[in-house]
Amino acid sequence: MVLKVSKMKSGEPEIFQSIQGEGITAGVPSVFIRLATCNLACNWCDTKYTWDWRHYDYDTQVIQMPLEEIESKLVIYKVTNLVITGGEPLLQQDELSDLVESLTQRGFCCELETNGTIPPNPRMKNSVGQWNVSPKLSSSGNRPGTMERPGALKTFSQIDSAWFKFVVVKPTDLDEICELSDRYDIPADRVLLMPEGTSQTTLEQRGKWVSEACIEKGFRFSPRLHIMLWGDKRGR
């Protein structure tokens, strides 16, 4: 079996070591794999090269890799926290299940980033150590009806290892976040607000009022450490 993986300009797959920049495990040394293709189209997405085939060439941006080759590249790194990101990884979950199960048996903790529109299959649900669920809001520019899939969100809300990270663009996003949290019974301490931005200036500006909202609502605040440290640089 193979996975569709994002390809760097060098021709190598986008597999790299860094620190987790976002979410509940921000700051944890991690190895990353970025998978290609997505079922949404966020207007502020900073990885459009994984899915926007109107502006990027699929053959240039995507490499198909056997699972065994991917695993051999991941185990080279001396860290055991794996972040599977995209794109939308769960589009490939049938193939991904074998890899996650194998790596879990080798002592990896696998975090998976998802937009929350696709429920995990039983194998993924049992093997993934942490779910970073990022439901999209109307400010993402996605078509109504594509962003919120009740069955999937209800499933994630019942997984103890799922955290809900919302990308915040404007203050009116907060009402939408509260409505979604109430609708799916997501406790406030499992909700993270992350200011959108690919520059330190934007993150600082938005971060001030987003952090105040966290204090008021009892939500957690998520930074974007990789942007603050290295800027909008691929492979960090």
C-alpha atoms as a PDB file:
ATOM      1  CA  MET A   1       0.000   0.000   0.000  1.00  0.00           C
ATOM      2  CA  VAL A   2       1.070   3.585  -0.630  1.00  0.00           C
ATOM      3  CA  LEU A   3       0.293   7.015   0.781  1.00  0.00           C
ATOM      4  CA  LYS A   4       0.101  10.300  -1.086  1.00  0.00           C
ATOM      5  CA  VAL A   5       2.726  12.477   0.599  1.00  0.00           C
ATOM      6  CA  SER A   6       3.546  16.130   0.028  1.00  0.00           C
ATOM      7  CA  LYS A   7       6.764  16.509  -1.954  1.00  0.00           C
ATOM      8  CA  MET A   8       9.422  19.147  -1.243  1.00  0.00           C
ATOM      9  CA  LYS A   9      11.144  21.137  -3.998  1.00  0.00           C
ATOM     10  CA  SER A  10      14.131  18.828  -3.547  1.00  0.00           C
ATOM     11  CA  GLY A  11      11.944  15.897  -4.556  1.00  0.00           C
ATOM     12  CA  GLU A  12      12.064  14.443  -1.040  1.00  0.00           C
ATOM     13  CA  PRO A  13       8.862  13.738   0.875  1.00  0.00           C
ATOM     14  CA  GLU A  14       7.816  16.313   3.427  1.00  0.00           C
ATOM     15  CA  ILE A  15       9.015  14.357   6.437  1.00  0.00           C
ATOM     16  CA  PHE A  16      10.982  16.404   8.944  1.00  0.00           C
ATOM     17  CA  GLN A  17      11.896  16.900  12.590  1.00  0.00           C
ATOM     18  CA  SER A  18      10.910  20.015  14.509  1.00  0.00           C
ATOM     19  CA  ILE A  19       8.828  20.949  17.538  1.00  0.00           C
ATOM     20  CA  GLN A  20       5.065  20.766  17.537  1.00  0.00           C
ATOM     21  CA  GLY A  21       4.065  24.390  16.980  1.00  0.00           C
ATOM     22  CA  GLU A  22       0.374  24.254  17.778  1.00  0.00           C
ATOM     23  CA  GLY A  23      -2.197  22.733  20.068  1.00  0.00           C
ATOM     24  CA  ILE A  24      -2.034  21.014  23.419  1.00  0.00           C
ATOM     25  CA  THR A  25       1.455  19.569  22.813  1.00  0.00           C
ATOM     26  CA  ALA A  26       3.042  22.783  21.523  1.00  0.00           C
ATOM     27  CA  GLY A  27       6.782  22.679  22.137  1.00  0.00           C
ATOM     28  CA  VAL A  28       7.150  18.879  22.095  1.00  0.00           C
ATOM     29  CA  PRO A  29       9.988  17.620  19.834  1.00  0.00           C
ATOM     30  CA  SER A  30       8.287  15.746  17.017  1.00  0.00           C
ATOM     31  CA  VAL A  31       8.725  14.192  13.618  1.00  0.00           C
ATOM     32  CA  PHE A  32       6.190  15.271  10.998  1.00  0.00           C
ATOM     33  CA  ILE A  33       4.752  13.763   7.864  1.00  0.00           C
ATOM     34  CA  ARG A  34       2.552  15.894   5.638  1.00  0.00           C
ATOM     35  CA  LEU A  35       0.050  14.001   3.532  1.00  0.00           C
ATOM     36  CA  ALA A  36      -1.466  15.372   0.335  1.00  0.00           C
ATOM     37  CA  THR A  37      -5.087  16.047  -0.730  1.00  0.00           C
ATOM     38  CA  CYS A  38      -7.892  17.680   1.224  1.00  0.00           C
ATOM     39  CA  ASN A  39     -11.682  17.751   1.075  1.00  0.00           C
ATOM     40  CA  LEU A  40     -11.967  21.416   2.109  1.00  0.00           C
ATOM     41  CA  ALA A  41     -10.557  24.633   0.648  1.00  0.00           C
ATOM     42  CA  CYS A  42      -9.771  27.197   3.347  1.00  0.00           C
ATOM     43  CA  ASN A  43      -9.002  30.634   1.977  1.00  0.00           C
ATOM     44  CA  TRP A  44      -6.261  31.221   4.572  1.00  0.00           C
ATOM     45  CA  CYS A  45      -4.663  27.751   4.241  1.00  0.00           C
ATOM     46  CA  ASP A  46      -0.852  27.928   4.336  1.00  0.00           C
ATOM     47  CA  THR A  47      -0.417  24.483   2.744  1.00  0.00           C
ATOM     48  CA  LYS A  48      -2.463  24.925  -0.432  1.00  0.00           C
ATOM     49  CA  TYR A  49       0.230  23.029  -2.315  1.00  0.00           C
ATOM     50  CA  THR A  50      -1.280  19.858  -0.819  1.00  0.00           C
ATOM     51  CA  TRP A  51      -4.686  20.276  -2.489  1.00  0.00           C
ATOM     52  CA  ASP A  52      -5.116  23.387  -4.700  1.00  0.00           C
ATOM     53  CA  TRP A  53      -4.576  21.846  -8.125  1.00  0.00           C
ATOM     54  CA  ARG A  54      -5.767  24.980  -9.907  1.00  0.00           C
ATOM     55  CA  HIS A  55      -2.615  26.765  -8.755  1.00  0.00           C
ATOM     56  CA  TYR A  56      -0.230  23.875  -8.080  1.00  0.00           C
ATOM     57  CA  ASP A  57       0.764  20.904 -10.216  1.00  0.00           C
ATOM     58  CA  TYR A  58      -0.218  17.603  -8.621  1.00  0.00           C
ATOM     59  CA  ASP A  59       2.715  15.631 -10.054  1.00  0.00           C
ATOM     60  CA  THR A  60       5.181  18.248  -8.823  1.00  0.00           C
ATOM     61  CA  GLN A  61       3.730  18.439  -5.320  1.00  0.00           C
ATOM     62  CA  VAL A  62       2.804  14.831  -4.531  1.00  0.00           C
ATOM     63  CA  ILE A  63       4.850  11.655  -4.196  1.00  0.00           C
ATOM     64  CA  GLN A  64       3.329   8.204  -3.678  1.00  0.00           C
ATOM     65  CA  MET A  65       5.305   6.202  -1.139  1.00  0.00           C
ATOM     66  CA  PRO A  66       5.046   2.613   0.100  1.00  0.00           C
ATOM     67  CA  LEU A  67       4.272   2.365   3.808  1.00  0.00           C
ATOM     68  CA  GLU A  68       7.514   0.495   4.490  1.00  0.00           C
ATOM     69  CA  GLU A  69       9.583   3.309   2.973  1.00  0.00           C
ATOM     70  CA  ILE A  70       7.739   5.930   5.011  1.00  0.00           C
ATOM     71  CA  GLU A  71       8.269   3.993   8.227  1.00  0.00           C
ATOM     72  CA  SER A  72      11.971   3.565   7.515  1.00  0.00           C
ATOM     73  CA  LYS A  73      12.340   7.337   7.133  1.00  0.00           C
ATOM     74  CA  LEU A  74      10.385   8.124  10.295  1.00  0.00           C
ATOM     75  CA  VAL A  75      12.302   5.798  12.612  1.00  0.00           C
ATOM     76  CA  ILE A  76      15.607   7.462  11.703  1.00  0.00           C
ATOM     77  CA  TYR A  77      14.686  10.408  13.905  1.00  0.00           C
ATOM     78  CA  LYS A  78      15.364  10.103  17.619  1.00  0.00           C
ATOM     79  CA  VAL A  79      11.941  11.327  18.713  1.00  0.00           C
ATOM     80  CA  THR A  80       8.816   9.248  19.231  1.00  0.00           C
ATOM     81  CA  ASN A  81       6.109  11.882  18.908  1.00  0.00           C
ATOM     82  CA  LEU A  82       4.757  11.709  15.369  1.00  0.00           C
ATOM     83  CA  VAL A  83       2.499  14.407  13.938  1.00  0.00           C
ATOM     84  CA  ILE A  84       0.498  13.335  10.887  1.00  0.00           C
ATOM     85  CA  THR A  85      -0.751  16.420   9.112  1.00  0.00           C
ATOM     86  CA  GLY A  86      -1.896  17.531   5.679  1.00  0.00           C
ATOM     87  CA  GLY A  87      -3.976  18.159   3.732  1.00  0.00           C
ATOM     88  CA  GLU A  88      -6.580  15.943   5.370  1.00  0.00           C
ATOM     89  CA  PRO A  89      -4.969  12.693   6.543  1.00  0.00           C
ATOM     90  CA  LEU A  90      -8.232  10.820   7.078  1.00  0.00           C
ATOM     91  CA  LEU A  91      -8.871  10.798   3.338  1.00  0.00           C
ATOM     92  CA  GLN A  92      -6.209   8.067   3.353  1.00  0.00           C
ATOM     93  CA  GLN A  93      -7.062   6.409   6.644  1.00  0.00           C
ATOM     94  CA  ASP A  94      -7.525   2.908   5.244  1.00  0.00           C
ATOM     95  CA  GLU A  95      -3.889   2.915   4.074  1.00  0.00           C
ATOM     96  CA  LEU A  96      -2.713   4.970   7.045  1.00  0.00           C
ATOM     97  CA  SER A  97      -4.067   2.494   9.593  1.00  0.00           C
ATOM     98  CA  ASP A  98      -1.273  -0.027   8.943  1.00  0.00           C
ATOM     99  CA  LEU A  99       1.421   2.616   9.395  1.00  0.00           C
ATOM    100  CA  VAL A 100      -0.043   4.027  12.609  1.00  0.00           C
ATOM    101  CA  GLU A 101      -0.506   0.580  14.135  1.00  0.00           C
ATOM    102  CA  SER A 102       3.062  -0.414  13.289  1.00  0.00           C
ATOM    103  CA  LEU A 103       4.574   2.790  14.661  1.00  0.00           C
ATOM    104  CA  THR A 104       2.481   2.604  17.823  1.00  0.00           C
ATOM    105  CA  GLN A 105       3.863  -0.883  18.429  1.00  0.00           C
ATOM    106  CA  ARG A 106       7.366   0.602  18.078  1.00  0.00           C
ATOM    107  CA  GLY A 107       6.687   3.101  20.860  1.00  0.00           C
ATOM    108  CA  PHE A 108       5.513   6.126  18.880  1.00  0.00           C
ATOM    109  CA  CYS A 109       2.710   8.380  20.052  1.00  0.00           C
ATOM    110  CA  CYS A 110       0.852   9.418  16.909  1.00  0.00           C
ATOM    111  CA  GLU A 111      -0.918  12.766  16.782  1.00  0.00           C
ATOM    112  CA  LEU A 112      -3.255  13.258  13.856  1.00  0.00           C
ATOM    113  CA  GLU A 113      -4.431  16.635  12.554  1.00  0.00           C
ATOM    114  CA  THR A 114      -7.889  16.589  11.001  1.00  0.00           C
ATOM    115  CA  ASN A 115     -10.605  19.028   9.987  1.00  0.00           C
ATOM    116  CA  GLY A 116     -13.222  16.898  11.720  1.00  0.00           C
ATOM    117  CA  THR A 117     -15.355  16.054   8.680  1.00  0.00           C
ATOM    118  CA  ILE A 118     -14.429  12.357   8.412  1.00  0.00           C
ATOM    119  CA  PRO A 119     -14.985   9.949  11.323  1.00  0.00           C
ATOM    120  CA  PRO A 120     -12.060   7.658  12.134  1.00  0.00           C
ATOM    121  CA  ASN A 121     -12.325   3.964  11.377  1.00  0.00           C
ATOM    122  CA  PRO A 122     -12.022   1.572  14.368  1.00  0.00           C
ATOM    123  CA  ARG A 123      -8.336   0.839  13.753  1.00  0.00           C
ATOM    124  CA  MET A 124      -7.397   4.519  13.669  1.00  0.00           C
ATOM    125  CA  LYS A 125      -9.578   5.273  16.672  1.00  0.00           C
ATOM    126  CA  ASN A 126      -7.709   2.640  18.682  1.00  0.00           C
ATOM    127  CA  SER A 127      -4.187   3.502  17.477  1.00  0.00           C
ATOM    128  CA  VAL A 128      -3.987   7.305  17.307  1.00  0.00           C
ATOM    129  CA  GLY A 129      -2.749   8.680  20.608  1.00  0.00           C
ATOM    130  CA  GLN A 130      -3.989  12.242  20.169  1.00  0.00           C
ATOM    131  CA  TRP A 131      -6.521  13.829  17.841  1.00  0.00           C
ATOM    132  CA  ASN A 132      -6.039  17.486  16.927  1.00  0.00           C
ATOM    133  CA  VAL A 133      -9.464  18.303  15.499  1.00  0.00           C
ATOM    134  CA  SER A 134      -9.771  21.652  13.750  1.00  0.00           C
ATOM    135  CA  PRO A 135     -13.380  22.283  12.640  1.00  0.00           C
ATOM    136  CA  LYS A 136     -13.574  25.093  10.104  1.00  0.00           C
ATOM    137  CA  LEU A 137     -15.653  28.219  10.570  1.00  0.00           C
ATOM    138  CA  SER A 138     -17.498  30.338   8.004  1.00  0.00           C
ATOM    139  CA  SER A 139     -14.516  32.718   7.917  1.00  0.00           C
ATOM    140  CA  SER A 140     -12.526  29.914   6.245  1.00  0.00           C
ATOM    141  CA  GLY A 141     -14.505  30.510   3.043  1.00  0.00           C
ATOM    142  CA  ASN A 142     -15.647  26.918   2.627  1.00  0.00           C
ATOM    143  CA  ARG A 143     -19.073  26.260   1.150  1.00  0.00           C
ATOM    144  CA  PRO A 144     -21.913  25.862   3.680  1.00  0.00           C
ATOM    145  CA  GLY A 145     -22.622  22.221   4.343  1.00  0.00           C
ATOM    146  CA  THR A 146     -19.066  21.061   3.720  1.00  0.00           C
ATOM    147  CA  MET A 147     -17.430  22.170   6.983  1.00  0.00           C
ATOM    148  CA  GLU A 148     -19.713  20.681   9.606  1.00  0.00           C
ATOM    149  CA  ARG A 149     -20.422  16.960   9.502  1.00  0.00           C
ATOM    150  CA  PRO A 150     -22.471  16.203  12.623  1.00  0.00           C
ATOM    151  CA  GLY A 151     -21.727  12.469  12.721  1.00  0.00           C
ATOM    152  CA  ALA A 152     -17.984  13.019  12.553  1.00  0.00           C
ATOM    153  CA  LEU A 153     -17.905  15.820  15.121  1.00  0.00           C
ATOM    154  CA  LYS A 154     -20.088  13.844  17.508  1.00  0.00           C
ATOM    155  CA  THR A 155     -17.689  10.917  17.204  1.00  0.00           C
ATOM    156  CA  PHE A 156     -14.655  13.080  17.953  1.00  0.00           C
ATOM    157  CA  SER A 157     -16.401  14.790  20.859  1.00  0.00           C
ATOM    158  CA  GLN A 158     -16.716  11.380  22.531  1.00  0.00           C
ATOM    159  CA  ILE A 159     -12.997  10.553  22.204  1.00  0.00           C
ATOM    160  CA  ASP A 160     -11.120  11.521  25.360  1.00  0.00           C
ATOM    161  CA  SER A 161      -7.872  12.123  23.448  1.00  0.00           C
ATOM    162  CA  ALA A 162      -9.465  14.630  21.044  1.00  0.00           C
ATOM    163  CA  TRP A 163      -8.739  18.338  21.346  1.00  0.00           C
ATOM    164  CA  PHE A 164     -10.595  20.944  19.313  1.00  0.00           C
ATOM    165  CA  LYS A 165      -8.432  23.688  17.819  1.00  0.00           C
ATOM    166  CA  PHE A 166     -10.274  26.543  16.119  1.00  0.00           C
ATOM    167  CA  VAL A 167      -8.484  28.935  13.774  1.00  0.00           C
ATOM    168  CA  VAL A 168      -9.721  32.426  14.671  1.00  0.00           C
ATOM    169  CA  VAL A 169      -9.721  35.213  12.093  1.00  0.00           C
ATOM    170  CA  LYS A 170     -12.182  37.751  13.494  1.00  0.00           C
ATOM    171  CA  PRO A 171     -14.077  38.357  16.750  1.00  0.00           C
ATOM    172  CA  THR A 172     -17.381  37.145  15.277  1.00  0.00           C
ATOM    173  CA  ASP A 173     -15.788  33.686  14.963  1.00  0.00           C
ATOM    174  CA  LEU A 174     -16.159  33.359  18.731  1.00  0.00           C
ATOM    175  CA  ASP A 175     -19.951  33.088  18.604  1.00  0.00           C
ATOM    176  CA  GLU A 176     -19.666  30.296  16.037  1.00  0.00           C
ATOM    177  CA  ILE A 177     -17.133  28.458  18.195  1.00  0.00           C
ATOM    178  CA  CYS A 178     -19.386  28.661  21.250  1.00  0.00           C
ATOM    179  CA  GLU A 179     -22.356  27.395  19.223  1.00  0.00           C
ATOM    180  CA  LEU A 180     -20.377  24.403  17.923  1.00  0.00           C
ATOM    181  CA  SER A 181     -19.012  23.604  21.379  1.00  0.00           C
ATOM    182  CA  ASP A 182     -22.510  23.641  22.855  1.00  0.00           C
ATOM    183  CA  ARG A 183     -24.017  21.627  19.990  1.00  0.00           C
ATOM    184  CA  TYR A 184     -21.495  18.793  20.374  1.00  0.00           C
ATOM    185  CA  ASP A 185     -21.033  18.985  24.158  1.00  0.00           C
ATOM    186  CA  ILE A 186     -17.334  19.832  23.914  1.00  0.00           C
ATOM    187  CA  PRO A 187     -15.987  20.897  27.331  1.00  0.00           C
ATOM    188  CA  ALA A 188     -14.359  24.337  27.391  1.00  0.00           C
ATOM    189  CA  ASP A 189     -11.036  22.909  28.582  1.00  0.00           C
ATOM    190  CA  ARG A 190     -10.798  20.790  25.388  1.00  0.00           C
ATOM    191  CA  VAL A 191     -11.249  23.838  23.154  1.00  0.00           C
ATOM    192  CA  LEU A 192      -8.212  25.759  21.900  1.00  0.00           C
ATOM    193  CA  LEU A 193      -8.319  29.075  20.084  1.00  0.00           C
ATOM    194  CA  MET A 194      -5.480  29.773  17.665  1.00  0.00           C
ATOM    195  CA  PRO A 195      -5.106  33.130  15.916  1.00  0.00           C
ATOM    196  CA  GLU A 196      -4.743  32.793  12.156  1.00  0.00           C
ATOM    197  CA  GLY A 197      -1.606  34.286  10.653  1.00  0.00           C
ATOM    198  CA  THR A 198       1.621  33.519   8.834  1.00  0.00           C
ATOM    199  CA  SER A 199       3.590  36.467  10.205  1.00  0.00           C
ATOM    200  CA  GLN A 200       4.658  37.319  13.739  1.00  0.00           C
ATOM    201  CA  THR A 201       3.005  40.744  13.500  1.00  0.00           C
ATOM    202  CA  THR A 202      -0.392  39.285  12.610  1.00  0.00           C
ATOM    203  CA  LEU A 203      -0.150  36.636  15.301  1.00  0.00           C
ATOM    204  CA  GLU A 204       0.729  39.218  17.943  1.00  0.00           C
ATOM    205  CA  GLN A 205      -2.138  41.489  16.950  1.00  0.00           C
ATOM    206  CA  ARG A 206      -4.756  38.761  16.834  1.00  0.00           C
ATOM    207  CA  GLY A 207      -3.265  36.917  19.771  1.00  0.00           C
ATOM    208  CA  LYS A 208      -4.054  39.770  22.160  1.00  0.00           C
ATOM    209  CA  TRP A 209      -7.818  39.692  21.726  1.00  0.00           C
ATOM    210  CA  VAL A 210      -7.926  35.920  21.182  1.00  0.00           C
ATOM    211  CA  SER A 211      -6.163  35.379  24.524  1.00  0.00           C
ATOM    212  CA  GLU A 212      -8.680  37.675  26.210  1.00  0.00           C
ATOM    213  CA  ALA A 213     -11.477  35.560  24.739  1.00  0.00           C
ATOM    214  CA  CYS A 214      -9.829  32.443  26.180  1.00  0.00           C
ATOM    215  CA  ILE A 215      -9.764  34.008  29.624  1.00  0.00           C
ATOM    216  CA  GLU A 216     -13.418  35.015  29.340  1.00  0.00           C
ATOM    217  CA  LYS A 217     -14.718  31.696  27.968  1.00  0.00           C
ATOM    218  CA  GLY A 218     -12.419  29.271  29.778  1.00  0.00           C
ATOM    219  CA  PHE A 219     -10.825  28.062  26.527  1.00  0.00           C
ATOM    220  CA  ARG A 220      -7.137  27.313  25.997  1.00  0.00           C
ATOM    221  CA  PHE A 221      -4.853  29.429  23.826  1.00  0.00           C
ATOM    222  CA  SER A 222      -2.760  27.861  21.079  1.00  0.00           C
ATOM    223  CA  PRO A 223       0.331  29.607  19.708  1.00  0.00           C
ATOM    224  CA  ARG A 224       1.945  29.010  16.322  1.00  0.00           C
ATOM    225  CA  LEU A 225       5.474  28.508  17.597  1.00  0.00           C
ATOM    226  CA  HIS A 226       6.946  27.497  14.239  1.00  0.00           C
ATOM    227  CA  ILE A 227       5.807  30.816  12.699  1.00  0.00           C
ATOM    228  CA  MET A 228       7.182  32.787  15.641  1.00  0.00           C
ATOM    229  CA  LEU A 229      10.542  30.981  15.473  1.00  0.00           C
ATOM    230  CA  TRP A 230      11.121  30.416  11.752  1.00  0.00           C
ATOM    231  CA  GLY A 231       8.428  32.329   9.893  1.00  0.00           C
ATOM    232  CA  ASP A 232       6.267  30.791   7.188  1.00  0.00           C
ATOM    233  CA  LYS A 233       8.899  28.254   6.162  1.00  0.00           C
ATOM    234  CA  ARG A 234       8.081  24.864   4.717  1.00  0.00           C
ATOM    235  CA  GLY A 235       9.529  21.864   6.488  1.00  0.00           C
ATOM    236  CA  ARG A 236       9.760  23.502   9.910  1.00  0.00           C
END
